[in-house]
Amino acid sequence: RNGQVRIWSVPSGKMHVEIGAGPNRIRTLAYLPEGDKLVSAGEG
């Protein structure tokens, strides 16, 4: 809901990076095939 994306490293569980994607609720996330890019989209 708060427009923040949080990414953790697996399996350590350490937070890797946090992304501020704006004020609108994010509904869906997807990694692109190579794994180096993340797509976010939602109510904005």
ModelCIF file with pLDDT and N, C-alpha, C, O atoms, coordinates in Angstrom:
data_MODEL
#
_entry.id   MODEL 
#
_entity.id                         1 
_entity.type                       polymer 
_entity.pdbx_number_of_molecules   1 
#
_entity_poly.entity_id                      1 
_entity_poly.type                           'polypeptide(L)' 
_entity_poly.nstd_linkage                   no 
_entity_poly.nstd_monomer                   no 
_entity_poly.pdbx_seq_one_letter_code       RNGQVRIWSVPSGKMHVEIGAGPNRIRTLAYLPEGDKLVSAGEG 
_entity_poly.pdbx_seq_one_letter_code_can   RNGQVRIWSVPSGKMHVEIGAGPNRIRTLAYLPEGDKLVSAGEG 
_entity_poly.pdbx_strand_id                 A 
#
loop_
_entity_poly_seq.entity_id 
_entity_poly_seq.num 
_entity_poly_seq.mon_id 
_entity_poly_seq.hetero 
1 1  ARG n 
1 2  ASN n 
1 3  GLY n 
1 4  GLN n 
1 5  VAL n 
1 6  ARG n 
1 7  ILE n 
1 8  TRP n 
1 9  SER n 
1 10 VAL n 
1 11 PRO n 
1 12 SER n 
1 13 GLY n 
1 14 LYS n 
1 15 MET n 
1 16 HIS n 
1 17 VAL n 
1 18 GLU n 
1 19 ILE n 
1 20 GLY n 
1 21 ALA n 
1 22 GLY n 
1 23 PRO n 
1 24 ASN n 
1 25 ARG n 
1 26 ILE n 
1 27 ARG n 
1 28 THR n 
1 29 LEU n 
1 30 ALA n 
1 31 TYR n 
1 32 LEU n 
1 33 PRO n 
1 34 GLU n 
1 35 GLY n 
1 36 ASP n 
1 37 LYS n 
1 38 LEU n 
1 39 VAL n 
1 40 SER n 
1 41 ALA n 
1 42 GLY n 
1 43 GLU n 
1 44 GLY n 
#
_struct_asym.id          A 
_struct_asym.entity_id   1 
#
loop_
_ma_qa_metric.id 
_ma_qa_metric.mode 
_ma_qa_metric.name 
_ma_qa_metric.software_group_id 
_ma_qa_metric.type 
1 global pLDDT . pLDDT 
2 local  pLDDT . pLDDT 
#
_ma_qa_metric_global.metric_id      1 
_ma_qa_metric_global.metric_value   95.02 
_ma_qa_metric_global.model_id       1 
_ma_qa_metric_global.ordinal_id     1 
#
loop_
_ma_qa_metric_local.label_asym_id 
_ma_qa_metric_local.label_comp_id 
_ma_qa_metric_local.label_seq_id 
_ma_qa_metric_local.metric_id 
_ma_qa_metric_local.metric_value 
_ma_qa_metric_local.model_id 
_ma_qa_metric_local.ordinal_id 
A ARG 1  2 94.00 1 1  
A ASN 2  2 93.00 1 2  
A GLY 3  2 94.00 1 3  
A GLN 4  2 95.00 1 4  
A VAL 5  2 97.00 1 5  
A ARG 6  2 97.00 1 6  
A ILE 7  2 98.00 1 7  
A TRP 8  2 97.00 1 8  
A SER 9  2 96.00 1 9  
A VAL 10 2 96.00 1 10 
A PRO 11 2 90.00 1 11 
A SER 12 2 94.00 1 12 
A GLY 13 2 94.00 1 13 
A LYS 14 2 96.00 1 14 
A MET 15 2 95.00 1 15 
A HIS 16 2 94.00 1 16 
A VAL 17 2 96.00 1 17 
A GLU 18 2 96.00 1 18 
A ILE 19 2 96.00 1 19 
A GLY 20 2 92.00 1 20 
A ALA 21 2 88.00 1 21 
A GLY 22 2 86.00 1 22 
A PRO 23 2 91.00 1 23 
A ASN 24 2 93.00 1 24 
A ARG 25 2 95.00 1 25 
A ILE 26 2 96.00 1 26 
A ARG 27 2 96.00 1 27 
A THR 28 2 97.00 1 28 
A LEU 29 2 98.00 1 29 
A ALA 30 2 98.00 1 30 
A TYR 31 2 98.00 1 31 
A LEU 32 2 97.00 1 32 
A PRO 33 2 95.00 1 33 
A GLU 34 2 95.00 1 34 
A GLY 35 2 95.00 1 35 
A ASP 36 2 96.00 1 36 
A LYS 37 2 97.00 1 37 
A LEU 38 2 98.00 1 38 
A VAL 39 2 97.00 1 39 
A SER 40 2 97.00 1 40 
A ALA 41 2 96.00 1 41 
A GLY 42 2 96.00 1 42 
A GLU 43 2 94.00 1 43 
A GLY 44 2 92.00 1 44 
#
loop_
_atom_site.group_PDB 
_atom_site.id 
_atom_site.type_symbol 
_atom_site.label_atom_id 
_atom_site.label_alt_id 
_atom_site.label_comp_id 
_atom_site.label_asym_id 
_atom_site.label_entity_id 
_atom_site.label_seq_id 
_atom_site.pdbx_PDB_ins_code 
_atom_site.Cartn_x 
_atom_site.Cartn_y 
_atom_site.Cartn_z 
_atom_site.occupancy 
_atom_site.B_iso_or_equiv 
_atom_site.pdbx_formal_charge 
_atom_site.auth_seq_id 
_atom_site.auth_comp_id 
_atom_site.auth_asym_id 
_atom_site.auth_atom_id 
_atom_site.pdbx_PDB_model_num 
ATOM 1   N N  . ARG A 1 1  ? 0.789  -1.225  0.000   1.00 94.00 ? 1  ARG A N  1 
ATOM 2   C CA . ARG A 1 1  ? 0.000  0.000   0.000   1.00 94.00 ? 1  ARG A CA 1 
ATOM 3   C C  . ARG A 1 1  ? 0.825  1.281   0.000   1.00 94.00 ? 1  ARG A C  1 
ATOM 4   O O  . ARG A 1 1  ? 0.442  2.254   -0.649  1.00 94.00 ? 1  ARG A O  1 
ATOM 5   N N  . ASN A 1 2  ? 1.943  1.302   0.710   1.00 93.00 ? 2  ASN A N  1 
ATOM 6   C CA . ASN A 1 2  ? 2.655  2.570   0.885   1.00 93.00 ? 2  ASN A CA 1 
ATOM 7   C C  . ASN A 1 2  ? 3.616  2.909   -0.250  1.00 93.00 ? 2  ASN A C  1 
ATOM 8   O O  . ASN A 1 2  ? 4.344  3.898   -0.163  1.00 93.00 ? 2  ASN A O  1 
ATOM 9   N N  . GLY A 1 3  ? 3.629  2.118   -1.298  1.00 94.00 ? 3  GLY A N  1 
ATOM 10  C CA . GLY A 1 3  ? 4.464  2.431   -2.453  1.00 94.00 ? 3  GLY A CA 1 
ATOM 11  C C  . GLY A 1 3  ? 5.936  2.122   -2.285  1.00 94.00 ? 3  GLY A C  1 
ATOM 12  O O  . GLY A 1 3  ? 6.753  2.524   -3.114  1.00 94.00 ? 3  GLY A O  1 
ATOM 13  N N  . GLN A 1 4  ? 6.284  1.415   -1.224  1.00 95.00 ? 4  GLN A N  1 
ATOM 14  C CA . GLN A 1 4  ? 7.671  1.035   -0.990  1.00 95.00 ? 4  GLN A CA 1 
ATOM 15  C C  . GLN A 1 4  ? 7.910  -0.405  -1.447  1.00 95.00 ? 4  GLN A C  1 
ATOM 16  O O  . GLN A 1 4  ? 7.092  -1.289  -1.194  1.00 95.00 ? 4  GLN A O  1 
ATOM 17  N N  . VAL A 1 5  ? 9.029  -0.625  -2.116  1.00 97.00 ? 5  VAL A N  1 
ATOM 18  C CA . VAL A 1 5  ? 9.465  -1.973  -2.503  1.00 97.00 ? 5  VAL A CA 1 
ATOM 19  C C  . VAL A 1 5  ? 10.652 -2.328  -1.627  1.00 97.00 ? 5  VAL A C  1 
ATOM 20  O O  . VAL A 1 5  ? 11.623 -1.573  -1.566  1.00 97.00 ? 5  VAL A O  1 
ATOM 21  N N  . ARG A 1 6  ? 10.591 -3.453  -0.954  1.00 97.00 ? 6  ARG A N  1 
ATOM 22  C CA . ARG A 1 6  ? 11.704 -3.900  -0.118  1.00 97.00 ? 6  ARG A CA 1 
ATOM 23  C C  . ARG A 1 6  ? 12.244 -5.208  -0.683  1.00 97.00 ? 6  ARG A C  1 
ATOM 24  O O  . ARG A 1 6  ? 11.483 -6.139  -0.947  1.00 97.00 ? 6  ARG A O  1 
ATOM 25  N N  . ILE A 1 7  ? 13.570 -5.274  -0.867  1.00 98.00 ? 7  ILE A N  1 
ATOM 26  C CA . ILE A 1 7  ? 14.218 -6.456  -1.427  1.00 98.00 ? 7  ILE A CA 1 
ATOM 27  C C  . ILE A 1 7  ? 15.202 -7.007  -0.403  1.00 98.00 ? 7  ILE A C  1 
ATOM 28  O O  . ILE A 1 7  ? 16.035 -6.280  0.137   1.00 98.00 ? 7  ILE A O  1 
ATOM 29  N N  . TRP A 1 8  ? 15.087 -8.306  -0.150  1.00 97.00 ? 8  TRP A N  1 
ATOM 30  C CA . TRP A 1 8  ? 15.997 -8.985  0.767   1.00 97.00 ? 8  TRP A CA 1 
ATOM 31  C C  . TRP A 1 8  ? 16.892 -9.965  0.000   1.00 97.00 ? 8  TRP A C  1 
ATOM 32  O O  . TRP A 1 8  ? 16.530 -10.450 -1.072  1.00 97.00 ? 8  TRP A O  1 
ATOM 33  N N  . SER A 1 9  ? 18.052 -10.238 0.567   1.00 96.00 ? 9  SER A N  1 
ATOM 34  C CA . SER A 1 9  ? 18.896 -11.312 0.081   1.00 96.00 ? 9  SER A CA 1 
ATOM 35  C C  . SER A 1 9  ? 18.415 -12.624 0.683   1.00 96.00 ? 9  SER A C  1 
ATOM 36  O O  . SER A 1 9  ? 18.052 -12.686 1.857   1.00 96.00 ? 9  SER A O  1 
ATOM 37  N N  . VAL A 1 10 ? 18.415 -13.662 -0.127  1.00 96.00 ? 10 VAL A N  1 
ATOM 38  C CA . VAL A 1 10 ? 17.992 -14.997 0.307   1.00 96.00 ? 10 VAL A CA 1 
ATOM 39  C C  . VAL A 1 10 ? 19.220 -15.906 0.229   1.00 96.00 ? 10 VAL A C  1 
ATOM 40  O O  . VAL A 1 10 ? 19.928 -15.861 -0.776  1.00 96.00 ? 10 VAL A O  1 
ATOM 41  N N  . PRO A 1 11 ? 19.505 -16.729 1.244   1.00 90.00 ? 11 PRO A N  1 
ATOM 42  C CA . PRO A 1 11 ? 18.668 -17.030 2.412   1.00 90.00 ? 11 PRO A CA 1 
ATOM 43  C C  . PRO A 1 11 ? 18.993 -16.227 3.668   1.00 90.00 ? 11 PRO A C  1 
ATOM 44  O O  . PRO A 1 11 ? 18.410 -16.490 4.720   1.00 90.00 ? 11 PRO A O  1 
ATOM 45  N N  . SER A 1 12 ? 19.908 -15.253 3.593   1.00 94.00 ? 12 SER A N  1 
ATOM 46  C CA . SER A 1 12 ? 20.344 -14.564 4.809   1.00 94.00 ? 12 SER A CA 1 
ATOM 47  C C  . SER A 1 12 ? 19.221 -13.767 5.461   1.00 94.00 ? 12 SER A C  1 
ATOM 48  O O  . SER A 1 12 ? 19.201 -13.613 6.682   1.00 94.00 ? 12 SER A O  1 
ATOM 49  N N  . GLY A 1 13 ? 18.284 -13.258 4.660   1.00 94.00 ? 13 GLY A N  1 
ATOM 50  C CA . GLY A 1 13 ? 17.210 -12.433 5.197   1.00 94.00 ? 13 GLY A CA 1 
ATOM 51  C C  . GLY A 1 13 ? 17.619 -11.000 5.453   1.00 94.00 ? 13 GLY A C  1 
ATOM 52  O O  . GLY A 1 13 ? 16.859 -10.241 6.054   1.00 94.00 ? 13 GLY A O  1 
ATOM 53  N N  . LYS A 1 14 ? 18.816 -10.610 5.005   1.00 96.00 ? 14 LYS A N  1 
ATOM 54  C CA . LYS A 1 14 ? 19.260 -9.230  5.177   1.00 96.00 ? 14 LYS A CA 1 
ATOM 55  C C  . LYS A 1 14 ? 18.650 -8.349  4.092   1.00 96.00 ? 14 LYS A C  1 
ATOM 56  O O  . LYS A 1 14 ? 18.620 -8.722  2.920   1.00 96.00 ? 14 LYS A O  1 
ATOM 57  N N  . MET A 1 15 ? 18.159 -7.165  4.500   1.00 95.00 ? 15 MET A N  1 
ATOM 58  C CA . MET A 1 15 ? 17.567 -6.270  3.520   1.00 95.00 ? 15 MET A CA 1 
ATOM 59  C C  . MET A 1 15 ? 18.643 -5.778  2.561   1.00 95.00 ? 15 MET A C  1 
ATOM 60  O O  . MET A 1 15 ? 19.685 -5.274  2.979   1.00 95.00 ? 15 MET A O  1 
ATOM 61  N N  . HIS A 1 16 ? 18.373 -5.934  1.276   1.00 94.00 ? 16 HIS A N  1 
ATOM 62  C CA . HIS A 1 16 ? 19.351 -5.573  0.247   1.00 94.00 ? 16 HIS A CA 1 
ATOM 63  C C  . HIS A 1 16 ? 19.173 -4.122  -0.172  1.00 94.00 ? 16 HIS A C  1 
ATOM 64  O O  . HIS A 1 16 ? 20.144 -3.368  -0.236  1.00 94.00 ? 16 HIS A O  1 
ATOM 65  N N  . VAL A 1 17 ? 17.929 -3.727  -0.460  1.00 96.00 ? 17 VAL A N  1 
ATOM 66  C CA . VAL A 1 17 ? 17.660 -2.356  -0.906  1.00 96.00 ? 17 VAL A CA 1 
ATOM 67  C C  . VAL A 1 17 ? 16.177 -2.065  -0.699  1.00 96.00 ? 17 VAL A C  1 
ATOM 68  O O  . VAL A 1 17 ? 15.348 -2.974  -0.730  1.00 96.00 ? 17 VAL A O  1 
ATOM 69  N N  . GLU A 1 18 ? 15.853 -0.799  -0.489  1.00 96.00 ? 18 GLU A N  1 
ATOM 70  C CA . GLU A 1 18 ? 14.454 -0.363  -0.418  1.00 96.00 ? 18 GLU A CA 1 
ATOM 71  C C  . GLU A 1 18 ? 14.246 0.720   -1.458  1.00 96.00 ? 18 GLU A C  1 
ATOM 72  O O  . GLU A 1 18 ? 15.076 1.617   -1.609  1.00 96.00 ? 18 GLU A O  1 
ATOM 73  N N  . ILE A 1 19 ? 13.133 0.633   -2.174  1.00 96.00 ? 19 ILE A N  1 
ATOM 74  C CA . ILE A 1 19 ? 12.849 1.526   -3.288  1.00 96.00 ? 19 ILE A CA 1 
ATOM 75  C C  . ILE A 1 19 ? 11.572 2.297   -2.998  1.00 96.00 ? 19 ILE A C  1 
ATOM 76  O O  . ILE A 1 19 ? 10.547 1.706   -2.658  1.00 96.00 ? 19 ILE A O  1 
ATOM 77  N N  . GLY A 1 20 ? 11.632 3.598   -3.128  1.00 92.00 ? 20 GLY A N  1 
ATOM 78  C CA . GLY A 1 20 ? 10.440 4.425   -3.018  1.00 92.00 ? 20 GLY A CA 1 
ATOM 79  C C  . GLY A 1 20 ? 9.824  4.621   -4.386  1.00 92.00 ? 20 GLY A C  1 
ATOM 80  O O  . GLY A 1 20 ? 10.340 5.384   -5.203  1.00 92.00 ? 20 GLY A O  1 
ATOM 81  N N  . ALA A 1 21 ? 8.719  3.934   -4.637  1.00 88.00 ? 21 ALA A N  1 
ATOM 82  C CA . ALA A 1 21 ? 8.102  3.962   -5.970  1.00 88.00 ? 21 ALA A CA 1 
ATOM 83  C C  . ALA A 1 21 ? 6.935  4.943   -6.053  1.00 88.00 ? 21 ALA A C  1 
ATOM 84  O O  . ALA A 1 21 ? 6.180  4.917   -7.025  1.00 88.00 ? 21 ALA A O  1 
ATOM 85  N N  . GLY A 1 22 ? 6.775  5.808   -5.050  1.00 86.00 ? 22 GLY A N  1 
ATOM 86  C CA . GLY A 1 22 ? 5.701  6.791   -5.080  1.00 86.00 ? 22 GLY A CA 1 
ATOM 87  C C  . GLY A 1 22 ? 4.662  6.528   -4.011  1.00 86.00 ? 22 GLY A C  1 
ATOM 88  O O  . GLY A 1 22 ? 4.795  5.568   -3.251  1.00 86.00 ? 22 GLY A O  1 
ATOM 89  N N  . PRO A 1 23 ? 3.620  7.363   -3.930  1.00 91.00 ? 23 PRO A N  1 
ATOM 90  C CA . PRO A 1 23 ? 2.646  7.277   -2.842  1.00 91.00 ? 23 PRO A CA 1 
ATOM 91  C C  . PRO A 1 23 ? 1.538  6.250   -3.046  1.00 91.00 ? 23 PRO A C  1 
ATOM 92  O O  . PRO A 1 23 ? 0.766  5.987   -2.123  1.00 91.00 ? 23 PRO A O  1 
ATOM 93  N N  . ASN A 1 24 ? 1.447  5.674   -4.220  1.00 93.00 ? 24 ASN A N  1 
ATOM 94  C CA . ASN A 1 24 ? 0.302  4.817   -4.549  1.00 93.00 ? 24 ASN A CA 1 
ATOM 95  C C  . ASN A 1 24 ? 0.570  3.350   -4.243  1.00 93.00 ? 24 ASN A C  1 
ATOM 96  O O  . ASN A 1 24 ? 1.713  2.894   -4.257  1.00 93.00 ? 24 ASN A O  1 
ATOM 97  N N  . ARG A 1 25 ? -0.514 2.617   -3.966  1.00 95.00 ? 25 ARG A N  1 
ATOM 98  C CA . ARG A 1 25 ? -0.421 1.190   -3.654  1.00 95.00 ? 25 ARG A CA 1 
ATOM 99  C C  . ARG A 1 25 ? 0.161  0.412   -4.829  1.00 95.00 ? 25 ARG A C  1 
ATOM 100 O O  . ARG A 1 25 ? -0.286 0.556   -5.967  1.00 95.00 ? 25 ARG A O  1 
ATOM 101 N N  . ILE A 1 26 ? 1.155  -0.406  -4.542  1.00 96.00 ? 26 ILE A N  1 
ATOM 102 C CA . ILE A 1 26 ? 1.715  -1.310  -5.543  1.00 96.00 ? 26 ILE A CA 1 
ATOM 103 C C  . ILE A 1 26 ? 0.942  -2.615  -5.481  1.00 96.00 ? 26 ILE A C  1 
ATOM 104 O O  . ILE A 1 26 ? 0.804  -3.215  -4.414  1.00 96.00 ? 26 ILE A O  1 
ATOM 105 N N  . ARG A 1 27 ? 0.446  -3.046  -6.612  1.00 96.00 ? 27 ARG A N  1 
ATOM 106 C CA . ARG A 1 27 ? -0.368 -4.259  -6.685  1.00 96.00 ? 27 ARG A CA 1 
ATOM 107 C C  . ARG A 1 27 ? 0.407  -5.478  -7.173  1.00 96.00 ? 27 ARG A C  1 
ATOM 108 O O  . ARG A 1 27 ? 0.039  -6.611  -6.863  1.00 96.00 ? 27 ARG A O  1 
ATOM 109 N N  . THR A 1 28 ? 1.474  -5.253  -7.930  1.00 97.00 ? 28 THR A N  1 
ATOM 110 C CA . THR A 1 28 ? 2.110  -6.393  -8.575  1.00 97.00 ? 28 THR A CA 1 
ATOM 111 C C  . THR A 1 28 ? 3.592  -6.115  -8.824  1.00 97.00 ? 28 THR A C  1 
ATOM 112 O O  . THR A 1 28 ? 3.989  -4.990  -9.127  1.00 97.00 ? 28 THR A O  1 
ATOM 113 N N  . LEU A 1 29 ? 4.391  -7.161  -8.690  1.00 98.00 ? 29 LEU A N  1 
ATOM 114 C CA . LEU A 1 29 ? 5.832  -7.122  -8.926  1.00 98.00 ? 29 LEU A CA 1 
ATOM 115 C C  . LEU A 1 29 ? 6.223  -8.274  -9.835  1.00 98.00 ? 29 LEU A C  1 
ATOM 116 O O  . LEU A 1 29 ? 5.564  -9.313  -9.850  1.00 98.00 ? 29 LEU A O  1 
ATOM 117 N N  . ALA A 1 30 ? 7.297  -8.088  -10.594 1.00 98.00 ? 30 ALA A N  1 
ATOM 118 C CA . ALA A 1 30 ? 7.828  -9.176  -11.422 1.00 98.00 ? 30 ALA A CA 1 
ATOM 119 C C  . ALA A 1 30 ? 9.278  -8.899  -11.743 1.00 98.00 ? 30 ALA A C  1 
ATOM 120 O O  . ALA A 1 30 ? 9.642  -7.766  -12.059 1.00 98.00 ? 30 ALA A O  1 
ATOM 121 N N  . TYR A 1 31 ? 10.111 -9.924  -11.664 1.00 98.00 ? 31 TYR A N  1 
ATOM 122 C CA . TYR A 1 31 ? 11.495 -9.825  -12.121 1.00 98.00 ? 31 TYR A CA 1 
ATOM 123 C C  . TYR A 1 31 ? 11.545 -10.113 -13.616 1.00 98.00 ? 31 TYR A C  1 
ATOM 124 O O  . TYR A 1 31 ? 10.819 -10.974 -14.114 1.00 98.00 ? 31 TYR A O  1 
ATOM 125 N N  . LEU A 1 32 ? 12.404 -9.391  -14.329 1.00 97.00 ? 32 LEU A N  1 
ATOM 126 C CA . LEU A 1 32 ? 12.674 -9.716  -15.722 1.00 97.00 ? 32 LEU A CA 1 
ATOM 127 C C  . LEU A 1 32 ? 13.588 -10.943 -15.775 1.00 97.00 ? 32 LEU A C  1 
ATOM 128 O O  . LEU A 1 32 ? 14.256 -11.250 -14.788 1.00 97.00 ? 32 LEU A O  1 
ATOM 129 N N  . PRO A 1 33 ? 13.630 -11.652 -16.912 1.00 95.00 ? 33 PRO A N  1 
ATOM 130 C CA . PRO A 1 33 ? 14.266 -12.976 -16.961 1.00 95.00 ? 33 PRO A CA 1 
ATOM 131 C C  . PRO A 1 33 ? 15.699 -13.043 -16.472 1.00 95.00 ? 33 PRO A C  1 
ATOM 132 O O  . PRO A 1 33 ? 16.084 -14.043 -15.865 1.00 95.00 ? 33 PRO A O  1 
ATOM 133 N N  . GLU A 1 34 ? 16.502 -12.019 -16.714 1.00 95.00 ? 34 GLU A N  1 
ATOM 134 C CA . GLU A 1 34 ? 17.897 -12.068 -16.293 1.00 95.00 ? 34 GLU A CA 1 
ATOM 135 C C  . GLU A 1 34 ? 18.073 -11.819 -14.800 1.00 95.00 ? 34 GLU A C  1 
ATOM 136 O O  . GLU A 1 34 ? 19.153 -12.048 -14.255 1.00 95.00 ? 34 GLU A O  1 
ATOM 137 N N  . GLY A 1 35 ? 17.020 -11.353 -14.137 1.00 95.00 ? 35 GLY A N  1 
ATOM 138 C CA . GLY A 1 35 ? 17.045 -11.192 -12.697 1.00 95.00 ? 35 GLY A CA 1 
ATOM 139 C C  . GLY A 1 35 ? 17.655 -9.906  -12.193 1.00 95.00 ? 35 GLY A C  1 
ATOM 140 O O  . GLY A 1 35 ? 17.670 -9.670  -10.985 1.00 95.00 ? 35 GLY A O  1 
ATOM 141 N N  . ASP A 1 36 ? 18.160 -9.065  -13.083 1.00 96.00 ? 36 ASP A N  1 
ATOM 142 C CA . ASP A 1 36 ? 18.806 -7.823  -12.638 1.00 96.00 ? 36 ASP A CA 1 
ATOM 143 C C  . ASP A 1 36 ? 17.855 -6.638  -12.611 1.00 96.00 ? 36 ASP A C  1 
ATOM 144 O O  . ASP A 1 36 ? 18.230 -5.554  -12.166 1.00 96.00 ? 36 ASP A O  1 
ATOM 145 N N  . LYS A 1 37 ? 16.620 -6.834  -13.086 1.00 97.00 ? 37 LYS A N  1 
ATOM 146 C CA . LYS A 1 37 ? 15.637 -5.760  -13.106 1.00 97.00 ? 37 LYS A CA 1 
ATOM 147 C C  . LYS A 1 37 ? 14.314 -6.248  -12.507 1.00 97.00 ? 37 LYS A C  1 
ATOM 148 O O  . LYS A 1 37 ? 13.903 -7.392  -12.700 1.00 97.00 ? 37 LYS A O  1 
ATOM 149 N N  . LEU A 1 38 ? 13.663 -5.333  -11.771 1.00 98.00 ? 38 LEU A N  1 
ATOM 150 C CA . LEU A 1 38 ? 12.390 -5.620  -11.114 1.00 98.00 ? 38 LEU A CA 1 
ATOM 151 C C  . LEU A 1 38 ? 11.351 -4.628  -11.620 1.00 98.00 ? 38 LEU A C  1 
ATOM 152 O O  . LEU A 1 38 ? 11.617 -3.429  -11.706 1.00 98.00 ? 38 LEU A O  1 
ATOM 153 N N  . VAL A 1 39 ? 10.171 -5.131  -11.952 1.00 97.00 ? 39 VAL A N  1 
ATOM 154 C CA . VAL A 1 39 ? 9.078  -4.289  -12.442 1.00 97.00 ? 39 VAL A CA 1 
ATOM 155 C C  . VAL A 1 39 ? 8.046  -4.142  -11.335 1.00 97.00 ? 39 VAL A C  1 
ATOM 156 O O  . VAL A 1 39 ? 7.688  -5.123  -10.684 1.00 97.00 ? 39 VAL A O  1 
ATOM 157 N N  . SER A 1 40 ? 7.566  -2.919  -11.118 1.00 97.00 ? 40 SER A N  1 
ATOM 158 C CA . SER A 1 40 ? 6.489  -2.676  -10.158 1.00 97.00 ? 40 SER A CA 1 
ATOM 159 C C  . SER A 1 40 ? 5.387  -1.875  -10.839 1.00 97.00 ? 40 SER A C  1 
ATOM 160 O O  . SER A 1 40 ? 5.649  -1.039  -11.703 1.00 97.00 ? 40 SER A O  1 
ATOM 161 N N  . ALA A 1 41 ? 4.148  -2.146  -10.432 1.00 96.00 ? 41 ALA A N  1 
ATOM 162 C CA . ALA A 1 41 ? 3.008  -1.422  -11.000 1.00 96.00 ? 41 ALA A CA 1 
ATOM 163 C C  . ALA A 1 41 ? 1.866  -1.469  -10.005 1.00 96.00 ? 41 ALA A C  1 
ATOM 164 O O  . ALA A 1 41 ? 1.838  -2.308  -9.104  1.00 96.00 ? 41 ALA A O  1 
ATOM 165 N N  . GLY A 1 42 ? 0.910  -0.539  -10.184 1.00 96.00 ? 42 GLY A N  1 
ATOM 166 C CA . GLY A 1 42 ? -0.198 -0.524  -9.239  1.00 96.00 ? 42 GLY A CA 1 
ATOM 167 C C  . GLY A 1 42 ? -1.213 0.555   -9.531  1.00 96.00 ? 42 GLY A C  1 
ATOM 168 O O  . GLY A 1 42 ? -1.553 0.819   -10.685 1.00 96.00 ? 42 GLY A O  1 
ATOM 169 N N  . GLU A 1 43 ? -1.697 1.183   -8.454  1.00 94.00 ? 43 GLU A N  1 
ATOM 170 C CA . GLU A 1 43 ? -2.843 2.076   -8.568  1.00 94.00 ? 43 GLU A CA 1 
ATOM 171 C C  . GLU A 1 43 ? -2.487 3.443   -9.116  1.00 94.00 ? 43 GLU A C  1 
ATOM 172 O O  . GLU A 1 43 ? -3.377 4.218   -9.467  1.00 94.00 ? 43 GLU A O  1 
ATOM 173 N N  . GLY A 1 44 ? -1.198 3.755   -9.196  1.00 92.00 ? 44 GLY A N  1 
ATOM 174 C CA . GLY A 1 44 ? -0.797 5.024   -9.793  1.00 92.00 ? 44 GLY A CA 1 
ATOM 175 C C  . GLY A 1 44 ? -0.717 4.986   -11.303 1.00 92.00 ? 44 GLY A C  1 
ATOM 176 O O  . GLY A 1 44 ? -0.389 5.993   -11.930 1.00 92.00 ? 44 GLY A O  1 
#
